[in-house]
Amino acid sequence: MHRDDLGWDVRFRASFDGGEAFTPSVKVSEIPYLPDRTDPLPLNVQGQVRPGRDEAVVVGVHNFNFSGGHTAGLAAAADGSFHPLWVGNPSGVPQLWTAA
């Protein structure tokens, strides 16, 4: 649990019997993703109010900064090892990370 309910830890579980049972959940990364670490959060135009008239725009923070499943994946190697891919921000800049 993170103090703001917005951060998350990258975790992994595997099933070797088609989903009947799973291995215990383990942390993949020791450093959690914390949205408030990405400074400043980039603002994006989310839409327009009354386009073509008194052009007002709606500005907000894109949901990418709060989506743990965005740009994530998992590959399995021939030797049985797994290689997750996720977005992490330990440096303050969201970047792609992987581990074995």
PDB file of N, CA and C in Angstrom:
ATOM      1  N   MET A   1       0.852  -1.175   0.000  1.00  0.00           N
ATOM      2  CA  MET A   1       0.000   0.000   0.000  1.00  0.00           C
ATOM      3  C   MET A   1       0.897   1.237   0.000  1.00  0.00           C
ATOM      4  N   HIS A   2       0.574   2.177  -0.850  1.00  0.00           N
ATOM      5  CA  HIS A   2       1.335   3.415  -0.922  1.00  0.00           C
ATOM      6  C   HIS A   2       0.548   4.543  -0.280  1.00  0.00           C
ATOM      7  N   ARG A   3       1.260   5.488   0.267  1.00  0.00           N
ATOM      8  CA  ARG A   3       0.639   6.547   1.066  1.00  0.00           C
ATOM      9  C   ARG A   3      -0.441   7.324   0.323  1.00  0.00           C
ATOM     10  N   ASP A   4      -0.339   7.438  -0.994  1.00  0.00           N
ATOM     11  CA  ASP A   4      -1.324   8.217  -1.749  1.00  0.00           C
ATOM     12  C   ASP A   4      -2.301   7.340  -2.527  1.00  0.00           C
ATOM     13  N   ASP A   5      -2.176   6.035  -2.425  1.00  0.00           N
ATOM     14  CA  ASP A   5      -2.994   5.076  -3.185  1.00  0.00           C
ATOM     15  C   ASP A   5      -2.855   5.249  -4.694  1.00  0.00           C
ATOM     16  N   LEU A   6      -1.786   5.901  -5.147  1.00  0.00           N
ATOM     17  CA  LEU A   6      -1.549   6.083  -6.573  1.00  0.00           C
ATOM     18  C   LEU A   6      -0.300   5.348  -7.047  1.00  0.00           C
ATOM     19  N   GLY A   7       0.656   5.103  -6.161  1.00  0.00           N
ATOM     20  CA  GLY A   7       1.885   4.407  -6.533  1.00  0.00           C
ATOM     21  C   GLY A   7       1.664   2.898  -6.564  1.00  0.00           C
ATOM     22  N   TRP A   8       2.634   2.178  -7.128  1.00  0.00           N
ATOM     23  CA  TRP A   8       2.524   0.724  -7.185  1.00  0.00           C
ATOM     24  C   TRP A   8       3.898   0.076  -7.231  1.00  0.00           C
ATOM     25  N   ASP A   9       3.917  -1.199  -6.885  1.00  0.00           N
ATOM     26  CA  ASP A   9       5.106  -2.041  -6.999  1.00  0.00           C
ATOM     27  C   ASP A   9       4.902  -2.991  -8.163  1.00  0.00           C
ATOM     28  N   VAL A  10       5.948  -3.259  -8.913  1.00  0.00           N
ATOM     29  CA  VAL A  10       5.886  -4.252  -9.980  1.00  0.00           C
ATOM     30  C   VAL A  10       6.079  -5.614  -9.333  1.00  0.00           C
ATOM     31  N   ARG A  11       5.100  -6.521  -9.529  1.00  0.00           N
ATOM     32  CA  ARG A  11       5.143  -7.850  -8.910  1.00  0.00           C
ATOM     33  C   ARG A  11       4.923  -8.903  -9.989  1.00  0.00           C
ATOM     34  N   PHE A  12       5.299 -10.152  -9.686  1.00  0.00           N
ATOM     35  CA  PHE A  12       5.183 -11.245 -10.649  1.00  0.00           C
ATOM     36  C   PHE A  12       4.723 -12.520  -9.954  1.00  0.00           C
ATOM     37  N   ARG A  13       3.835 -13.256 -10.630  1.00  0.00           N
ATOM     38  CA  ARG A  13       3.414 -14.595 -10.214  1.00  0.00           C
ATOM     39  C   ARG A  13       3.366 -15.454 -11.470  1.00  0.00           C
ATOM     40  N   ALA A  14       3.602 -16.739 -11.325  1.00  0.00           N
ATOM     41  CA  ALA A  14       3.570 -17.639 -12.480  1.00  0.00           C
ATOM     42  C   ALA A  14       2.716 -18.857 -12.156  1.00  0.00           C
ATOM     43  N   SER A  15       2.124 -19.408 -13.202  1.00  0.00           N
ATOM     44  CA  SER A  15       1.383 -20.661 -13.079  1.00  0.00           C
ATOM     45  C   SER A  15       2.022 -21.669 -14.022  1.00  0.00           C
ATOM     46  N   PHE A  16       2.248 -22.862 -13.525  1.00  0.00           N
ATOM     47  CA  PHE A  16       2.839 -23.918 -14.353  1.00  0.00           C
ATOM     48  C   PHE A  16       1.830 -25.020 -14.657  1.00  0.00           C
ATOM     49  N   ASP A  17       0.549 -24.781 -14.286  1.00  0.00           N
ATOM     50  CA  ASP A  17      -0.486 -25.796 -14.509  1.00  0.00           C
ATOM     51  C   ASP A  17      -1.736 -25.211 -15.168  1.00  0.00           C
ATOM     52  N   GLY A  18      -1.546 -24.206 -16.005  1.00  0.00           N
ATOM     53  CA  GLY A  18      -2.675 -23.636 -16.732  1.00  0.00           C
ATOM     54  C   GLY A  18      -3.564 -22.723 -15.911  1.00  0.00           C
ATOM     55  N   GLY A  19      -3.080 -22.217 -14.813  1.00  0.00           N
ATOM     56  CA  GLY A  19      -3.843 -21.269 -14.017  1.00  0.00           C
ATOM     57  C   GLY A  19      -4.571 -21.874 -12.827  1.00  0.00           C
ATOM     58  N   GLU A  20      -4.355 -23.148 -12.565  1.00  0.00           N
ATOM     59  CA  GLU A  20      -4.979 -23.775 -11.390  1.00  0.00           C
ATOM     60  C   GLU A  20      -4.328 -23.287 -10.096  1.00  0.00           C
ATOM     61  N   ALA A  21      -3.043 -23.084 -10.114  1.00  0.00           N
ATOM     62  CA  ALA A  21      -2.295 -22.617  -8.943  1.00  0.00           C
ATOM     63  C   ALA A  21      -1.215 -21.654  -9.424  1.00  0.00           C
ATOM     64  N   PHE A  22      -0.785 -20.795  -8.517  1.00  0.00           N
ATOM     65  CA  PHE A  22       0.232 -19.800  -8.852  1.00  0.00           C
ATOM     66  C   PHE A  22       1.340 -19.800  -7.816  1.00  0.00           C
ATOM     67  N   THR A  23       2.533 -19.416  -8.252  1.00  0.00           N
ATOM     68  CA  THR A  23       3.651 -19.246  -7.332  1.00  0.00           C
ATOM     69  C   THR A  23       3.372 -18.021  -6.461  1.00  0.00           C
ATOM     70  N   PRO A  24       4.061 -17.881  -5.340  1.00  0.00           N
ATOM     71  CA  PRO A  24       3.880 -16.668  -4.523  1.00  0.00           C
ATOM     72  C   PRO A  24       4.273 -15.415  -5.317  1.00  0.00           C
ATOM     73  N   SER A  25       3.622 -14.320  -5.017  1.00  0.00           N
ATOM     74  CA  SER A  25       3.923 -13.046  -5.652  1.00  0.00           C
ATOM     75  C   SER A  25       5.257 -12.521  -5.135  1.00  0.00           C
ATOM     76  N   VAL A  26       6.121 -12.101  -6.066  1.00  0.00           N
ATOM     77  CA  VAL A  26       7.424 -11.550  -5.689  1.00  0.00           C
ATOM     78  C   VAL A  26       7.593 -10.182  -6.345  1.00  0.00           C
ATOM     79  N   LYS A  27       8.310  -9.292  -5.665  1.00  0.00           N
ATOM     80  CA  LYS A  27       8.616  -7.986  -6.247  1.00  0.00           C
ATOM     81  C   LYS A  27       9.617  -8.154  -7.374  1.00  0.00           C
ATOM     82  N   VAL A  28       9.353  -7.486  -8.481  1.00  0.00           N
ATOM     83  CA  VAL A  28      10.280  -7.486  -9.610  1.00  0.00           C
ATOM     84  C   VAL A  28      11.264  -6.339  -9.454  1.00  0.00           C
ATOM     85  N   SER A  29      10.772  -5.205  -8.972  1.00  0.00           N
ATOM     86  CA  SER A  29      11.603  -4.026  -8.772  1.00  0.00           C
ATOM     87  C   SER A  29      11.511  -3.615  -7.313  1.00  0.00           C
ATOM     88  N   GLU A  30      12.633  -3.287  -6.718  1.00  0.00           N
ATOM     89  CA  GLU A  30      12.648  -2.844  -5.323  1.00  0.00           C
ATOM     90  C   GLU A  30      12.194  -1.398  -5.183  1.00  0.00           C
ATOM     91  N   ILE A  31      12.161  -0.656  -6.289  1.00  0.00           N
ATOM     92  CA  ILE A  31      11.800   0.756  -6.245  1.00  0.00           C
ATOM     93  C   ILE A  31      10.389   0.906  -6.816  1.00  0.00           C
ATOM     94  N   PRO A  32       9.418   1.359  -6.023  1.00  0.00           N
ATOM     95  CA  PRO A  32       8.050   1.496  -6.524  1.00  0.00           C
ATOM     96  C   PRO A  32       7.920   2.663  -7.495  1.00  0.00           C
ATOM     97  N   TYR A  33       6.875   2.597  -8.314  1.00  0.00           N
ATOM     98  CA  TYR A  33       6.520   3.727  -9.167  1.00  0.00           C
ATOM     99  C   TYR A  33       5.697   4.682  -8.311  1.00  0.00           C
ATOM    100  N   LEU A  34       6.140   5.913  -8.201  1.00  0.00           N
ATOM    101  CA  LEU A  34       5.427   6.941  -7.445  1.00  0.00           C
ATOM    102  C   LEU A  34       5.144   8.119  -8.370  1.00  0.00           C
ATOM    103  N   PRO A  35       3.879   8.375  -8.702  1.00  0.00           N
ATOM    104  CA  PRO A  35       3.565   9.471  -9.623  1.00  0.00           C
ATOM    105  C   PRO A  35       4.121  10.814  -9.178  1.00  0.00           C
ATOM    106  N   ASP A  36       4.177  11.067  -7.868  1.00  0.00           N
ATOM    107  CA  ASP A  36       4.677  12.369  -7.432  1.00  0.00           C
ATOM    108  C   ASP A  36       6.187  12.508  -7.579  1.00  0.00           C
ATOM    109  N   ARG A  37       6.880  11.416  -7.927  1.00  0.00           N
ATOM    110  CA  ARG A  37       8.318  11.481  -8.191  1.00  0.00           C
ATOM    111  C   ARG A  37       8.587  12.090  -9.569  1.00  0.00           C
ATOM    112  N   THR A  38       7.643  11.941 -10.494  1.00  0.00           N
ATOM    113  CA  THR A  38       7.787  12.505 -11.832  1.00  0.00           C
ATOM    114  C   THR A  38       7.423  13.974 -11.752  1.00  0.00           C
ATOM    115  N   ASP A  39       8.432  14.812 -11.777  1.00  0.00           N
ATOM    116  CA  ASP A  39       8.211  16.234 -11.570  1.00  0.00           C
ATOM    117  C   ASP A  39       8.818  17.015 -12.717  1.00  0.00           C
ATOM    118  N   PRO A  40       8.115  17.886 -13.349  1.00  0.00           N
ATOM    119  CA  PRO A  40       6.696  18.120 -13.116  1.00  0.00           C
ATOM    120  C   PRO A  40       5.854  17.126 -13.902  1.00  0.00           C
ATOM    121  N   LEU A  41       4.656  16.849 -13.430  1.00  0.00           N
ATOM    122  CA  LEU A  41       3.736  16.018 -14.205  1.00  0.00           C
ATOM    123  C   LEU A  41       3.343  16.818 -15.442  1.00  0.00           C
ATOM    124  N   PRO A  42       3.496  16.236 -16.627  1.00  0.00           N
ATOM    125  CA  PRO A  42       3.174  16.991 -17.841  1.00  0.00           C
ATOM    126  C   PRO A  42       1.669  17.190 -17.991  1.00  0.00           C
ATOM    127  N   LEU A  43       1.280  18.386 -18.378  1.00  0.00           N
ATOM    128  CA  LEU A  43      -0.126  18.692 -18.646  1.00  0.00           C
ATOM    129  C   LEU A  43      -0.405  18.477 -20.118  1.00  0.00           C
ATOM    130  N   ASN A  44      -1.587  17.974 -20.413  1.00  0.00           N
ATOM    131  CA  ASN A  44      -2.008  17.720 -21.785  1.00  0.00           C
ATOM    132  C   ASN A  44      -3.369  18.357 -22.016  1.00  0.00           C
ATOM    133  N   VAL A  45      -3.634  18.726 -23.269  1.00  0.00           N
ATOM    134  CA  VAL A  45      -4.968  19.185 -23.642  1.00  0.00           C
ATOM    135  C   VAL A  45      -5.866  17.957 -23.695  1.00  0.00           C
ATOM    136  N   GLN A  46      -6.925  17.956 -22.887  1.00  0.00           N
ATOM    137  CA  GLN A  46      -7.833  16.819 -22.802  1.00  0.00           C
ATOM    138  C   GLN A  46      -9.051  16.978 -23.704  1.00  0.00           C
ATOM    139  N   GLY A  47      -9.333  18.174 -24.154  1.00  0.00           N
ATOM    140  CA  GLY A  47     -10.492  18.412 -25.016  1.00  0.00           C
ATOM    141  C   GLY A  47     -10.754  19.887 -25.156  1.00  0.00           C
ATOM    142  N   GLN A  48     -11.791  20.183 -25.905  1.00  0.00           N
ATOM    143  CA  GLN A  48     -12.167  21.574 -26.109  1.00  0.00           C
ATOM    144  C   GLN A  48     -13.610  21.775 -25.668  1.00  0.00           C
ATOM    145  N   VAL A  49     -13.869  22.946 -25.132  1.00  0.00           N
ATOM    146  CA  VAL A  49     -15.222  23.322 -24.760  1.00  0.00           C
ATOM    147  C   VAL A  49     -15.719  24.313 -25.794  1.00  0.00           C
ATOM    148  N   ARG A  50     -16.840  24.019 -26.395  1.00  0.00           N
ATOM    149  CA  ARG A  50     -17.437  24.877 -27.415  1.00  0.00           C
ATOM    150  C   ARG A  50     -16.462  25.173 -28.555  1.00  0.00           C
ATOM    151  N   PRO A  51     -15.964  24.129 -29.238  1.00  0.00           N
ATOM    152  CA  PRO A  51     -15.020  24.385 -30.337  1.00  0.00           C
ATOM    153  C   PRO A  51     -15.631  25.324 -31.388  1.00  0.00           C
ATOM    154  N   GLY A  52     -14.809  26.205 -31.895  1.00  0.00           N
ATOM    155  CA  GLY A  52     -15.235  27.126 -32.939  1.00  0.00           C
ATOM    156  C   GLY A  52     -15.880  28.392 -32.410  1.00  0.00           C
ATOM    157  N   ARG A  53     -16.115  28.434 -31.119  1.00  0.00           N
ATOM    158  CA  ARG A  53     -16.727  29.637 -30.545  1.00  0.00           C
ATOM    159  C   ARG A  53     -15.706  30.286 -29.625  1.00  0.00           C
ATOM    160  N   ASP A  54     -15.995  30.398 -28.364  1.00  0.00           N
ATOM    161  CA  ASP A  54     -15.037  30.962 -27.410  1.00  0.00           C
ATOM    162  C   ASP A  54     -14.074  29.861 -27.004  1.00  0.00           C
ATOM    163  N   GLU A  55     -13.207  29.486 -27.897  1.00  0.00           N
ATOM    164  CA  GLU A  55     -12.304  28.339 -27.750  1.00  0.00           C
ATOM    165  C   GLU A  55     -11.661  28.224 -26.371  1.00  0.00           C
ATOM    166  N   ALA A  56     -12.228  27.410 -25.549  1.00  0.00           N
ATOM    167  CA  ALA A  56     -11.634  27.093 -24.252  1.00  0.00           C
ATOM    168  C   ALA A  56     -11.147  25.655 -24.315  1.00  0.00           C
ATOM    169  N   VAL A  57     -10.040  25.375 -23.693  1.00  0.00           N
ATOM    170  CA  VAL A  57      -9.515  24.016 -23.688  1.00  0.00           C
ATOM    171  C   VAL A  57      -9.515  23.469 -22.270  1.00  0.00           C
ATOM    172  N   VAL A  58      -9.660  22.166 -22.175  1.00  0.00           N
ATOM    173  CA  VAL A  58      -9.589  21.478 -20.893  1.00  0.00           C
ATOM    174  C   VAL A  58      -8.196  20.893 -20.772  1.00  0.00           C
ATOM    175  N   VAL A  59      -7.484  21.249 -19.700  1.00  0.00           N
ATOM    176  CA  VAL A  59      -6.110  20.806 -19.495  1.00  0.00           C
ATOM    177  C   VAL A  59      -6.085  19.884 -18.281  1.00  0.00           C
ATOM    178  N   GLY A  60      -5.310  18.801 -18.370  1.00  0.00           N
ATOM    179  CA  GLY A  60      -5.202  17.884 -17.243  1.00  0.00           C
ATOM    180  C   GLY A  60      -3.948  17.040 -17.345  1.00  0.00           C
ATOM    181  N   VAL A  61      -3.772  16.173 -16.378  1.00  0.00           N
ATOM    182  CA  VAL A  61      -2.643  15.244 -16.370  1.00  0.00           C
ATOM    183  C   VAL A  61      -3.085  13.978 -17.087  1.00  0.00           C
ATOM    184  N   HIS A  62      -2.320  13.547 -18.065  1.00  0.00           N
ATOM    185  CA  HIS A  62      -2.656  12.340 -18.836  1.00  0.00           C
ATOM    186  C   HIS A  62      -2.637  11.127 -17.916  1.00  0.00           C
ATOM    187  N   ASN A  63      -3.562  10.182 -18.138  1.00  0.00           N
ATOM    188  CA  ASN A  63      -3.652   9.000 -17.275  1.00  0.00           C
ATOM    189  C   ASN A  63      -2.436   8.083 -17.385  1.00  0.00           C
ATOM    190  N   PHE A  64      -1.549   8.299 -18.338  1.00  0.00           N
ATOM    191  CA  PHE A  64      -0.327   7.500 -18.450  1.00  0.00           C
ATOM    192  C   PHE A  64       0.450   7.517 -17.136  1.00  0.00           C
ATOM    193  N   ASN A  65       0.430   8.641 -16.445  1.00  0.00           N
ATOM    194  CA  ASN A  65       1.189   8.790 -15.211  1.00  0.00           C
ATOM    195  C   ASN A  65       0.604   8.002 -14.053  1.00  0.00           C
ATOM    196  N   PHE A  66      -0.589   7.432 -14.228  1.00  0.00           N
ATOM    197  CA  PHE A  66      -1.256   6.696 -13.165  1.00  0.00           C
ATOM    198  C   PHE A  66      -1.661   5.291 -13.614  1.00  0.00           C
ATOM    199  N   SER A  67      -1.101   4.795 -14.704  1.00  0.00           N
ATOM    200  CA  SER A  67      -1.518   3.517 -15.269  1.00  0.00           C
ATOM    201  C   SER A  67      -0.383   2.503 -15.217  1.00  0.00           C
ATOM    202  N   GLY A  68      -0.448   1.589 -14.273  1.00  0.00           N
ATOM    203  CA  GLY A  68       0.601   0.582 -14.130  1.00  0.00           C
ATOM    204  C   GLY A  68       0.654  -0.420 -15.266  1.00  0.00           C
ATOM    205  N   GLY A  69      -0.405  -0.563 -16.029  1.00  0.00           N
ATOM    206  CA  GLY A  69      -0.418  -1.529 -17.122  1.00  0.00           C
ATOM    207  C   GLY A  69      -0.032  -0.947 -18.463  1.00  0.00           C
ATOM    208  N   HIS A  70       0.201   0.340 -18.511  1.00  0.00           N
ATOM    209  CA  HIS A  70       0.541   0.999 -19.766  1.00  0.00           C
ATOM    210  C   HIS A  70       1.992   0.690 -20.120  1.00  0.00           C
ATOM    211  N   THR A  71       2.235   0.259 -21.351  1.00  0.00           N
ATOM    212  CA  THR A  71       3.575  -0.081 -21.820  1.00  0.00           C
ATOM    213  C   THR A  71       4.207  -1.128 -20.904  1.00  0.00           C
ATOM    214  N   ALA A  72       3.481  -2.188 -20.668  1.00  0.00           N
ATOM    215  CA  ALA A  72       3.976  -3.291 -19.847  1.00  0.00           C
ATOM    216  C   ALA A  72       3.842  -4.568 -20.655  1.00  0.00           C
ATOM    217  N   GLY A  73       4.669  -5.536 -20.332  1.00  0.00           N
ATOM    218  CA  GLY A  73       4.592  -6.797 -21.048  1.00  0.00           C
ATOM    219  C   GLY A  73       5.391  -7.875 -20.337  1.00  0.00           C
ATOM    220  N   LEU A  74       5.350  -9.061 -20.897  1.00  0.00           N
ATOM    221  CA  LEU A  74       6.047 -10.193 -20.315  1.00  0.00           C
ATOM    222  C   LEU A  74       6.450 -11.138 -21.426  1.00  0.00           C
ATOM    223  N   ALA A  75       7.694 -11.584 -21.397  1.00  0.00           N
ATOM    224  CA  ALA A  75       8.176 -12.575 -22.358  1.00  0.00           C
ATOM    225  C   ALA A  75       8.780 -13.737 -21.582  1.00  0.00           C
ATOM    226  N   ALA A  76       8.616 -14.931 -22.110  1.00  0.00           N
ATOM    227  CA  ALA A  76       9.223 -16.119 -21.508  1.00  0.00           C
ATOM    228  C   ALA A  76      10.325 -16.607 -22.445  1.00  0.00           C
ATOM    229  N   ALA A  77      11.482 -16.933 -21.892  1.00  0.00           N
ATOM    230  CA  ALA A  77      12.615 -17.415 -22.675  1.00  0.00           C
ATOM    231  C   ALA A  77      12.583 -18.944 -22.736  1.00  0.00           C
ATOM    232  N   ALA A  78      13.325 -19.501 -23.669  1.00  0.00           N
ATOM    233  CA  ALA A  78      13.376 -20.960 -23.845  1.00  0.00           C
ATOM    234  C   ALA A  78      13.919 -21.665 -22.611  1.00  0.00           C
ATOM    235  N   ASP A  79      14.736 -20.979 -21.813  1.00  0.00           N
ATOM    236  CA  ASP A  79      15.299 -21.603 -20.611  1.00  0.00           C
ATOM    237  C   ASP A  79      14.340 -21.569 -19.421  1.00  0.00           C
ATOM    238  N   GLY A  80      13.105 -21.050 -19.619  1.00  0.00           N
ATOM    239  CA  GLY A  80      12.112 -21.011 -18.559  1.00  0.00           C
ATOM    240  C   GLY A  80      12.110 -19.732 -17.747  1.00  0.00           C
ATOM    241  N   SER A  81      13.000 -18.795 -18.042  1.00  0.00           N
ATOM    242  CA  SER A  81      13.011 -17.537 -17.302  1.00  0.00           C
ATOM    243  C   SER A  81      11.995 -16.570 -17.904  1.00  0.00           C
ATOM    244  N   PHE A  82      11.509 -15.672 -17.078  1.00  0.00           N
ATOM    245  CA  PHE A  82      10.546 -14.667 -17.502  1.00  0.00           C
ATOM    246  C   PHE A  82      11.216 -13.301 -17.512  1.00  0.00           C
ATOM    247  N   HIS A  83      10.775 -12.444 -18.435  1.00  0.00           N
ATOM    248  CA  HIS A  83      11.358 -11.116 -18.584  1.00  0.00           C
ATOM    249  C   HIS A  83      10.233 -10.082 -18.671  1.00  0.00           C
ATOM    250  N   PRO A  84       9.844  -9.501 -17.521  1.00  0.00           N
ATOM    251  CA  PRO A  84       8.809  -8.468 -17.550  1.00  0.00           C
ATOM    252  C   PRO A  84       9.354  -7.145 -18.074  1.00  0.00           C
ATOM    253  N   LEU A  85       8.458  -6.331 -18.599  1.00  0.00           N
ATOM    254  CA  LEU A  85       8.777  -4.993 -19.090  1.00  0.00           C
ATOM    255  C   LEU A  85       7.769  -4.045 -18.454  1.00  0.00           C
ATOM    256  N   TRP A  86       8.239  -2.954 -17.851  1.00  0.00           N
ATOM    257  CA  TRP A  86       7.339  -2.014 -17.193  1.00  0.00           C
ATOM    258  C   TRP A  86       7.924  -0.612 -17.238  1.00  0.00           C
ATOM    259  N   VAL A  87       7.069   0.353 -16.917  1.00  0.00           N
ATOM    260  CA  VAL A  87       7.504   1.742 -16.810  1.00  0.00           C
ATOM    261  C   VAL A  87       7.825   2.020 -15.350  1.00  0.00           C
ATOM    262  N   GLY A  88       9.037   2.492 -15.101  1.00  0.00           N
ATOM    263  CA  GLY A  88       9.472   2.868 -13.762  1.00  0.00           C
ATOM    264  C   GLY A  88       9.958   4.304 -13.782  1.00  0.00           C
ATOM    265  N   ASN A  89       9.960   4.935 -12.605  1.00  0.00           N
ATOM    266  CA  ASN A  89      10.430   6.326 -12.559  1.00  0.00           C
ATOM    267  C   ASN A  89      11.363   6.599 -11.379  1.00  0.00           C
ATOM    268  N   PRO A  90      12.321   5.704 -11.081  1.00  0.00           N
ATOM    269  CA  PRO A  90      13.214   5.970  -9.949  1.00  0.00           C
ATOM    270  C   PRO A  90      14.067   7.223 -10.132  1.00  0.00           C
ATOM    271  N   SER A  91      14.307   7.622 -11.361  1.00  0.00           N
ATOM    272  CA  SER A  91      15.122   8.817 -11.613  1.00  0.00           C
ATOM    273  C   SER A  91      14.282  10.082 -11.724  1.00  0.00           C
ATOM    274  N   GLY A  92      12.948   9.950 -11.661  1.00  0.00           N
ATOM    275  CA  GLY A  92      12.061  11.094 -11.837  1.00  0.00           C
ATOM    276  C   GLY A  92      11.560  11.220 -13.258  1.00  0.00           C
ATOM    277  N   VAL A  93      12.070  10.383 -14.170  1.00  0.00           N
ATOM    278  CA  VAL A  93      11.641  10.370 -15.565  1.00  0.00           C
ATOM    279  C   VAL A  93      11.095   8.977 -15.864  1.00  0.00           C
ATOM    280  N   PRO A  94       9.819   8.844 -16.293  1.00  0.00           N
ATOM    281  CA  PRO A  94       9.300   7.520 -16.635  1.00  0.00           C
ATOM    282  C   PRO A  94      10.103   6.903 -17.782  1.00  0.00           C
ATOM    283  N   GLN A  95      10.634   5.686 -17.543  1.00  0.00           N
ATOM    284  CA  GLN A  95      11.427   4.981 -18.553  1.00  0.00           C
ATOM    285  C   GLN A  95      11.052   3.504 -18.522  1.00  0.00           C
ATOM    286  N   LEU A  96      11.363   2.790 -19.599  1.00  0.00           N
ATOM    287  CA  LEU A  96      11.114   1.346 -19.652  1.00  0.00           C
ATOM    288  C   LEU A  96      12.206   0.607 -18.893  1.00  0.00           C
ATOM    289  N   TRP A  97      11.788  -0.409 -18.130  1.00  0.00           N
ATOM    290  CA  TRP A  97      12.707  -1.243 -17.354  1.00  0.00           C
ATOM    291  C   TRP A  97      12.391  -2.702 -17.637  1.00  0.00           C
ATOM    292  N   THR A  98      13.368  -3.566 -17.408  1.00  0.00           N
ATOM    293  CA  THR A  98      13.170  -5.009 -17.536  1.00  0.00           C
ATOM    294  C   THR A  98      14.054  -5.720 -16.527  1.00  0.00           C
ATOM    295  N   ALA A  99      13.751  -6.968 -16.275  1.00  0.00           N
ATOM    296  CA  ALA A  99      14.528  -7.797 -15.357  1.00  0.00           C
ATOM    297  C   ALA A  99      14.315  -9.250 -15.759  1.00  0.00           C
ATOM    298  N   ALA A 100      15.158 -10.115 -15.265  1.00  0.00           N
ATOM    299  CA  ALA A 100      14.987 -11.557 -15.518  1.00  0.00           C
ATOM    300  C   ALA A 100      14.308 -12.181 -14.314  1.00  0.00           C
TER     301      ALA A 100
END
